Amino acid sequence: MLVSASSDKTVKLWDLRNVSKAITSFKVENPVEDFCLFEDRIVVAQGNTLTLAKINDISIRRMNDFYPF
C-alpha cells in the first residue's frame, strides 16, 4: 500500500499491485502542503488546517479537521 497527497487537494490510498487507479481517496479544501503517517493515521497539512484520517487496507476515513485559533 502507498498513501499520496498532493496539490490537487486529494489524499489517495494505492495498492501497488494495481496502480491504474487509487483504491480510495478523499478531497481536502486546500492544496496539500505536507503529510505525516503514524501507524494507522495520517495528518494532512493543507492551508491553515490539519486533517486527521484513519487508514486501513481498503479505505481512508477522514476523522477530524483542526483549525488554528
PDB file of N, CA and C in Angstrom:
ATOM      1  N   MET A   1       0.834  -1.181   0.000  1.00  0.00           N
ATOM      2  CA  MET A   1       0.000   0.000   0.000  1.00  0.00           C
ATOM      3  C   MET A   1       0.879   1.244   0.000  1.00  0.00           C
ATOM      4  N   LEU A   2       0.360   2.297  -0.593  1.00  0.00           N
ATOM      5  CA  LEU A   2       1.045   3.582  -0.653  1.00  0.00           C
ATOM      6  C   LEU A   2       0.000   4.668  -0.447  1.00  0.00           C
ATOM      7  N   VAL A   3       0.349   5.683   0.331  1.00  0.00           N
ATOM      8  CA  VAL A   3      -0.519   6.839   0.522  1.00  0.00           C
ATOM      9  C   VAL A   3       0.120   8.015  -0.194  1.00  0.00           C
ATOM     10  N   SER A   4      -0.692   8.786  -0.924  1.00  0.00           N
ATOM     11  CA  SER A   4      -0.198  10.000  -1.569  1.00  0.00           C
ATOM     12  C   SER A   4      -1.123  11.158  -1.224  1.00  0.00           C
ATOM     13  N   ALA A   5      -0.545  12.344  -1.230  1.00  0.00           N
ATOM     14  CA  ALA A   5      -1.323  13.569  -1.008  1.00  0.00           C
ATOM     15  C   ALA A   5      -0.693  14.633  -1.886  1.00  0.00           C
ATOM     16  N   SER A   6      -1.532  15.476  -2.512  1.00  0.00           N
ATOM     17  CA  SER A   6      -0.949  16.384  -3.494  1.00  0.00           C
ATOM     18  C   SER A   6      -1.637  17.743  -3.549  1.00  0.00           C
ATOM     19  N   SER A   7      -1.061  18.595  -4.373  1.00  0.00           N
ATOM     20  CA  SER A   7      -1.594  19.944  -4.532  1.00  0.00           C
ATOM     21  C   SER A   7      -2.925  19.962  -5.280  1.00  0.00           C
ATOM     22  N   ASP A   8      -3.362  18.825  -5.818  1.00  0.00           N
ATOM     23  CA  ASP A   8      -4.691  18.787  -6.453  1.00  0.00           C
ATOM     24  C   ASP A   8      -5.800  18.568  -5.415  1.00  0.00           C
ATOM     25  N   LYS A   9      -5.443  18.687  -4.124  1.00  0.00           N
ATOM     26  CA  LYS A   9      -6.376  18.630  -2.993  1.00  0.00           C
ATOM     27  C   LYS A   9      -6.904  17.224  -2.720  1.00  0.00           C
ATOM     28  N   THR A  10      -6.140  16.187  -3.068  1.00  0.00           N
ATOM     29  CA  THR A  10      -6.582  14.823  -2.809  1.00  0.00           C
ATOM     30  C   THR A  10      -5.570  14.054  -1.970  1.00  0.00           C
ATOM     31  N   VAL A  11      -6.110  13.132  -1.183  1.00  0.00           N
ATOM     32  CA  VAL A  11      -5.319  12.153  -0.446  1.00  0.00           C
ATOM     33  C   VAL A  11      -5.794  10.802  -0.966  1.00  0.00           C
ATOM     34  N   LYS A  12      -4.844   9.953  -1.384  1.00  0.00           N
ATOM     35  CA  LYS A  12      -5.224   8.690  -2.024  1.00  0.00           C
ATOM     36  C   LYS A  12      -4.497   7.510  -1.397  1.00  0.00           C
ATOM     37  N   LEU A  13      -5.166   6.364  -1.402  1.00  0.00           N
ATOM     38  CA  LEU A  13      -4.590   5.094  -0.979  1.00  0.00           C
ATOM     39  C   LEU A  13      -4.462   4.219  -2.220  1.00  0.00           C
ATOM     40  N   TRP A  14      -3.252   3.706  -2.452  1.00  0.00           N
ATOM     41  CA  TRP A  14      -2.957   2.909  -3.648  1.00  0.00           C
ATOM     42  C   TRP A  14      -2.565   1.493  -3.261  1.00  0.00           C
ATOM     43  N   ASP A  15      -2.949   0.536  -4.069  1.00  0.00           N
ATOM     44  CA  ASP A  15      -2.437  -0.834  -3.986  1.00  0.00           C
ATOM     45  C   ASP A  15      -1.387  -0.932  -5.090  1.00  0.00           C
ATOM     46  N   LEU A  16      -0.139  -1.126  -4.730  1.00  0.00           N
ATOM     47  CA  LEU A  16       0.942  -1.101  -5.722  1.00  0.00           C
ATOM     48  C   LEU A  16       0.925  -2.284  -6.682  1.00  0.00           C
ATOM     49  N   ARG A  17       0.069  -3.259  -6.426  1.00  0.00           N
ATOM     50  CA  ARG A  17      -0.078  -4.363  -7.380  1.00  0.00           C
ATOM     51  C   ARG A  17      -0.941  -3.961  -8.562  1.00  0.00           C
ATOM     52  N   ASN A  18      -1.705  -2.864  -8.398  1.00  0.00           N
ATOM     53  CA  ASN A  18      -2.573  -2.372  -9.466  1.00  0.00           C
ATOM     54  C   ASN A  18      -2.635  -0.851  -9.357  1.00  0.00           C
ATOM     55  N   VAL A  19      -1.795  -0.168 -10.086  1.00  0.00           N
ATOM     56  CA  VAL A  19      -1.697   1.291  -9.962  1.00  0.00           C
ATOM     57  C   VAL A  19      -2.535   2.045 -11.002  1.00  0.00           C
ATOM     58  N   SER A  20      -3.429   1.356 -11.678  1.00  0.00           N
ATOM     59  CA  SER A  20      -4.244   2.034 -12.682  1.00  0.00           C
ATOM     60  C   SER A  20      -5.193   3.048 -12.052  1.00  0.00           C
ATOM     61  N   LYS A  21      -5.627   2.795 -10.810  1.00  0.00           N
ATOM     62  CA  LYS A  21      -6.417   3.780 -10.080  1.00  0.00           C
ATOM     63  C   LYS A  21      -6.288   3.533  -8.578  1.00  0.00           C
ATOM     64  N   ALA A  22      -6.495   4.602  -7.823  1.00  0.00           N
ATOM     65  CA  ALA A  22      -6.392   4.504  -6.372  1.00  0.00           C
ATOM     66  C   ALA A  22      -7.529   3.655  -5.814  1.00  0.00           C
ATOM     67  N   ILE A  23      -7.268   2.975  -4.699  1.00  0.00           N
ATOM     68  CA  ILE A  23      -8.305   2.189  -4.029  1.00  0.00           C
ATOM     69  C   ILE A  23      -9.399   3.114  -3.518  1.00  0.00           C
ATOM     70  N   THR A  24      -8.984   4.191  -2.884  1.00  0.00           N
ATOM     71  CA  THR A  24      -9.921   5.161  -2.329  1.00  0.00           C
ATOM     72  C   THR A  24      -9.219   6.503  -2.196  1.00  0.00           C
ATOM     73  N   SER A  25      -9.998   7.552  -2.022  1.00  0.00           N
ATOM     74  CA  SER A  25      -9.417   8.882  -1.853  1.00  0.00           C
ATOM     75  C   SER A  25     -10.420   9.792  -1.173  1.00  0.00           C
ATOM     76  N   PHE A  26      -9.939  10.937  -0.713  1.00  0.00           N
ATOM     77  CA  PHE A  26     -10.830  11.985  -0.248  1.00  0.00           C
ATOM     78  C   PHE A  26     -10.222  13.332  -0.577  1.00  0.00           C
ATOM     79  N   LYS A  27     -11.067  14.336  -0.672  1.00  0.00           N
ATOM     80  CA  LYS A  27     -10.654  15.696  -1.006  1.00  0.00           C
ATOM     81  C   LYS A  27     -10.509  16.518   0.267  1.00  0.00           C
ATOM     82  N   VAL A  28      -9.577  17.464   0.221  1.00  0.00           N
ATOM     83  CA  VAL A  28      -9.460  18.483   1.255  1.00  0.00           C
ATOM     84  C   VAL A  28      -9.730  19.838   0.612  1.00  0.00           C
ATOM     85  N   GLU A  29      -9.842  20.863   1.415  1.00  0.00           N
ATOM     86  CA  GLU A  29     -10.262  22.166   0.918  1.00  0.00           C
ATOM     87  C   GLU A  29      -9.159  22.955   0.231  1.00  0.00           C
ATOM     88  N   ASN A  30      -7.903  22.685   0.569  1.00  0.00           N
ATOM     89  CA  ASN A  30      -6.762  23.438   0.046  1.00  0.00           C
ATOM     90  C   ASN A  30      -5.712  22.480  -0.512  1.00  0.00           C
ATOM     91  N   PRO A  31      -4.793  22.977  -1.336  1.00  0.00           N
ATOM     92  CA  PRO A  31      -3.706  22.119  -1.797  1.00  0.00           C
ATOM     93  C   PRO A  31      -2.911  21.557  -0.606  1.00  0.00           C
ATOM     94  N   VAL A  32      -2.566  20.295  -0.680  1.00  0.00           N
ATOM     95  CA  VAL A  32      -1.813  19.653   0.405  1.00  0.00           C
ATOM     96  C   VAL A  32      -0.385  20.176   0.398  1.00  0.00           C
ATOM     97  N   GLU A  33       0.070  20.612   1.564  1.00  0.00           N
ATOM     98  CA  GLU A  33       1.427  21.112   1.709  1.00  0.00           C
ATOM     99  C   GLU A  33       2.376  20.043   2.259  1.00  0.00           C
ATOM    100  N   ASP A  34       1.849  19.158   3.096  1.00  0.00           N
ATOM    101  CA  ASP A  34       2.673  18.111   3.704  1.00  0.00           C
ATOM    102  C   ASP A  34       1.748  17.095   4.352  1.00  0.00           C
ATOM    103  N   PHE A  35       2.278  15.910   4.637  1.00  0.00           N
ATOM    104  CA  PHE A  35       1.517  14.939   5.406  1.00  0.00           C
ATOM    105  C   PHE A  35       2.475  14.061   6.181  1.00  0.00           C
ATOM    106  N   CYS A  36       1.965  13.446   7.237  1.00  0.00           N
ATOM    107  CA  CYS A  36       2.771  12.603   8.113  1.00  0.00           C
ATOM    108  C   CYS A  36       1.964  11.359   8.463  1.00  0.00           C
ATOM    109  N   LEU A  37       2.589  10.209   8.363  1.00  0.00           N
ATOM    110  CA  LEU A  37       1.954   8.944   8.730  1.00  0.00           C
ATOM    111  C   LEU A  37       2.446   8.501  10.101  1.00  0.00           C
ATOM    112  N   PHE A  38       1.526   8.003  10.922  1.00  0.00           N
ATOM    113  CA  PHE A  38       1.869   7.421  12.216  1.00  0.00           C
ATOM    114  C   PHE A  38       0.956   6.234  12.444  1.00  0.00           C
ATOM    115  N   GLU A  39       1.545   5.042  12.380  1.00  0.00           N
ATOM    116  CA  GLU A  39       0.802   3.792  12.486  1.00  0.00           C
ATOM    117  C   GLU A  39      -0.354   3.779  11.481  1.00  0.00           C
ATOM    118  N   ASP A  40      -1.601   3.783  11.935  1.00  0.00           N
ATOM    119  CA  ASP A  40      -2.732   3.729  11.001  1.00  0.00           C
ATOM    120  C   ASP A  40      -3.422   5.084  10.839  1.00  0.00           C
ATOM    121  N   ARG A  41      -2.685   6.158  11.097  1.00  0.00           N
ATOM    122  CA  ARG A  41      -3.237   7.512  10.981  1.00  0.00           C
ATOM    123  C   ARG A  41      -2.404   8.346  10.014  1.00  0.00           C
ATOM    124  N   ILE A  42      -3.049   9.320   9.388  1.00  0.00           N
ATOM    125  CA  ILE A  42      -2.351  10.286   8.559  1.00  0.00           C
ATOM    126  C   ILE A  42      -2.827  11.676   8.977  1.00  0.00           C
ATOM    127  N   VAL A  43      -1.885  12.602   9.090  1.00  0.00           N
ATOM    128  CA  VAL A  43      -2.196  14.003   9.341  1.00  0.00           C
ATOM    129  C   VAL A  43      -1.796  14.772   8.096  1.00  0.00           C
ATOM    130  N   VAL A  44      -2.727  15.514   7.543  1.00  0.00           N
ATOM    131  CA  VAL A  44      -2.514  16.248   6.302  1.00  0.00           C
ATOM    132  C   VAL A  44      -2.541  17.745   6.599  1.00  0.00           C
ATOM    133  N   ALA A  45      -1.459  18.445   6.233  1.00  0.00           N
ATOM    134  CA  ALA A  45      -1.404  19.895   6.379  1.00  0.00           C
ATOM    135  C   ALA A  45      -1.838  20.517   5.066  1.00  0.00           C
ATOM    136  N   GLN A  46      -2.877  21.351   5.153  1.00  0.00           N
ATOM    137  CA  GLN A  46      -3.414  21.988   3.937  1.00  0.00           C
ATOM    138  C   GLN A  46      -3.956  23.346   4.320  1.00  0.00           C
ATOM    139  N   GLY A  47      -3.361  24.373   3.735  1.00  0.00           N
ATOM    140  CA  GLY A  47      -3.765  25.730   4.089  1.00  0.00           C
ATOM    141  C   GLY A  47      -3.519  25.973   5.566  1.00  0.00           C
ATOM    142  N   ASN A  48      -4.525  26.476   6.279  1.00  0.00           N
ATOM    143  CA  ASN A  48      -4.383  26.676   7.719  1.00  0.00           C
ATOM    144  C   ASN A  48      -5.092  25.578   8.507  1.00  0.00           C
ATOM    145  N   THR A  49      -5.227  24.408   7.913  1.00  0.00           N
ATOM    146  CA  THR A  49      -5.973  23.303   8.509  1.00  0.00           C
ATOM    147  C   THR A  49      -5.126  22.037   8.562  1.00  0.00           C
ATOM    148  N   LEU A  50      -5.269  21.283   9.659  1.00  0.00           N
ATOM    149  CA  LEU A  50      -4.715  19.935   9.747  1.00  0.00           C
ATOM    150  C   LEU A  50      -5.891  18.966   9.701  1.00  0.00           C
ATOM    151  N   THR A  51      -5.803  17.977   8.844  1.00  0.00           N
ATOM    152  CA  THR A  51      -6.854  16.972   8.717  1.00  0.00           C
ATOM    153  C   THR A  51      -6.312  15.637   9.186  1.00  0.00           C
ATOM    154  N   LEU A  52      -7.047  14.966  10.061  1.00  0.00           N
ATOM    155  CA  LEU A  52      -6.680  13.660  10.579  1.00  0.00           C
ATOM    156  C   LEU A  52      -7.551  12.604   9.920  1.00  0.00           C
ATOM    157  N   ALA A  53      -6.932  11.516   9.460  1.00  0.00           N
ATOM    158  CA  ALA A  53      -7.679  10.418   8.842  1.00  0.00           C
ATOM    159  C   ALA A  53      -7.111   9.093   9.327  1.00  0.00           C
ATOM    160  N   LYS A  54      -7.936   8.062   9.283  1.00  0.00           N
ATOM    161  CA  LYS A  54      -7.531   6.708   9.668  1.00  0.00           C
ATOM    162  C   LYS A  54      -7.431   5.859   8.411  1.00  0.00           C
ATOM    163  N   ILE A  55      -6.364   5.064   8.328  1.00  0.00           N
ATOM    164  CA  ILE A  55      -6.101   4.231   7.153  1.00  0.00           C
ATOM    165  C   ILE A  55      -6.246   2.760   7.531  1.00  0.00           C
ATOM    166  N   ASN A  56      -6.902   1.985   6.663  1.00  0.00           N
ATOM    167  CA  ASN A  56      -6.812   0.528   6.772  1.00  0.00           C
ATOM    168  C   ASN A  56      -6.511  -0.014   5.384  1.00  0.00           C
ATOM    169  N   ASP A  57      -6.591  -1.297   5.188  1.00  0.00           N
ATOM    170  CA  ASP A  57      -6.189  -1.912   3.919  1.00  0.00           C
ATOM    171  C   ASP A  57      -7.034  -1.495   2.723  1.00  0.00           C
ATOM    172  N   ILE A  58      -8.251  -1.038   2.949  1.00  0.00           N
ATOM    173  CA  ILE A  58      -9.132  -0.737   1.824  1.00  0.00           C
ATOM    174  C   ILE A  58      -9.724   0.664   1.856  1.00  0.00           C
ATOM    175  N   SER A  59      -9.392   1.467   2.866  1.00  0.00           N
ATOM    176  CA  SER A  59     -10.012   2.788   2.911  1.00  0.00           C
ATOM    177  C   SER A  59      -9.200   3.796   3.713  1.00  0.00           C
ATOM    178  N   ILE A  60      -9.499   5.053   3.478  1.00  0.00           N
ATOM    179  CA  ILE A  60      -9.021   6.155   4.305  1.00  0.00           C
ATOM    180  C   ILE A  60     -10.280   6.858   4.795  1.00  0.00           C
ATOM    181  N   ARG A  61     -10.450   6.937   6.099  1.00  0.00           N
ATOM    182  CA  ARG A  61     -11.644   7.574   6.661  1.00  0.00           C
ATOM    183  C   ARG A  61     -11.251   8.891   7.323  1.00  0.00           C
ATOM    184  N   ARG A  62     -11.734   9.976   6.784  1.00  0.00           N
ATOM    185  CA  ARG A  62     -11.469  11.304   7.341  1.00  0.00           C
ATOM    186  C   ARG A  62     -12.149  11.400   8.696  1.00  0.00           C
ATOM    187  N   MET A  63     -11.377  11.797   9.718  1.00  0.00           N
ATOM    188  CA  MET A  63     -11.906  11.800  11.076  1.00  0.00           C
ATOM    189  C   MET A  63     -12.225  13.208  11.588  1.00  0.00           C
ATOM    190  N   ASN A  64     -11.285  14.137  11.423  1.00  0.00           N
ATOM    191  CA  ASN A  64     -11.481  15.454  12.011  1.00  0.00           C
ATOM    192  C   ASN A  64     -10.593  16.485  11.354  1.00  0.00           C
ATOM    193  N   ASP A  65     -11.025  17.732  11.400  1.00  0.00           N
ATOM    194  CA  ASP A  65     -10.205  18.854  10.935  1.00  0.00           C
ATOM    195  C   ASP A  65      -9.879  19.737  12.144  1.00  0.00           C
ATOM    196  N   PHE A  66      -8.666  20.239  12.172  1.00  0.00           N
ATOM    197  CA  PHE A  66      -8.225  21.107  13.251  1.00  0.00           C
ATOM    198  C   PHE A  66      -7.823  22.456  12.647  1.00  0.00           C
ATOM    199  N   TYR A  67      -8.378  23.524  13.216  1.00  0.00           N
ATOM    200  CA  TYR A  67      -8.145  24.874  12.719  1.00  0.00           C
ATOM    201  C   TYR A  67      -7.382  25.676  13.773  1.00  0.00           C
ATOM    202  N   PRO A  68      -6.542  26.628  13.348  1.00  0.00           N
ATOM    203  CA  PRO A  68      -5.845  27.452  14.333  1.00  0.00           C
ATOM    204  C   PRO A  68      -6.841  28.358  15.065  1.00  0.00           C
ATOM    205  N   PHE A  69      -6.471  28.755  16.256  1.00  0.00           N
ATOM    206  CA  PHE A  69      -7.378  29.655  16.989  1.00  0.00           C
ATOM    207  C   PHE A  69      -6.857  31.050  17.018  1.00  0.00           C
TER     208      PHE A  69
END
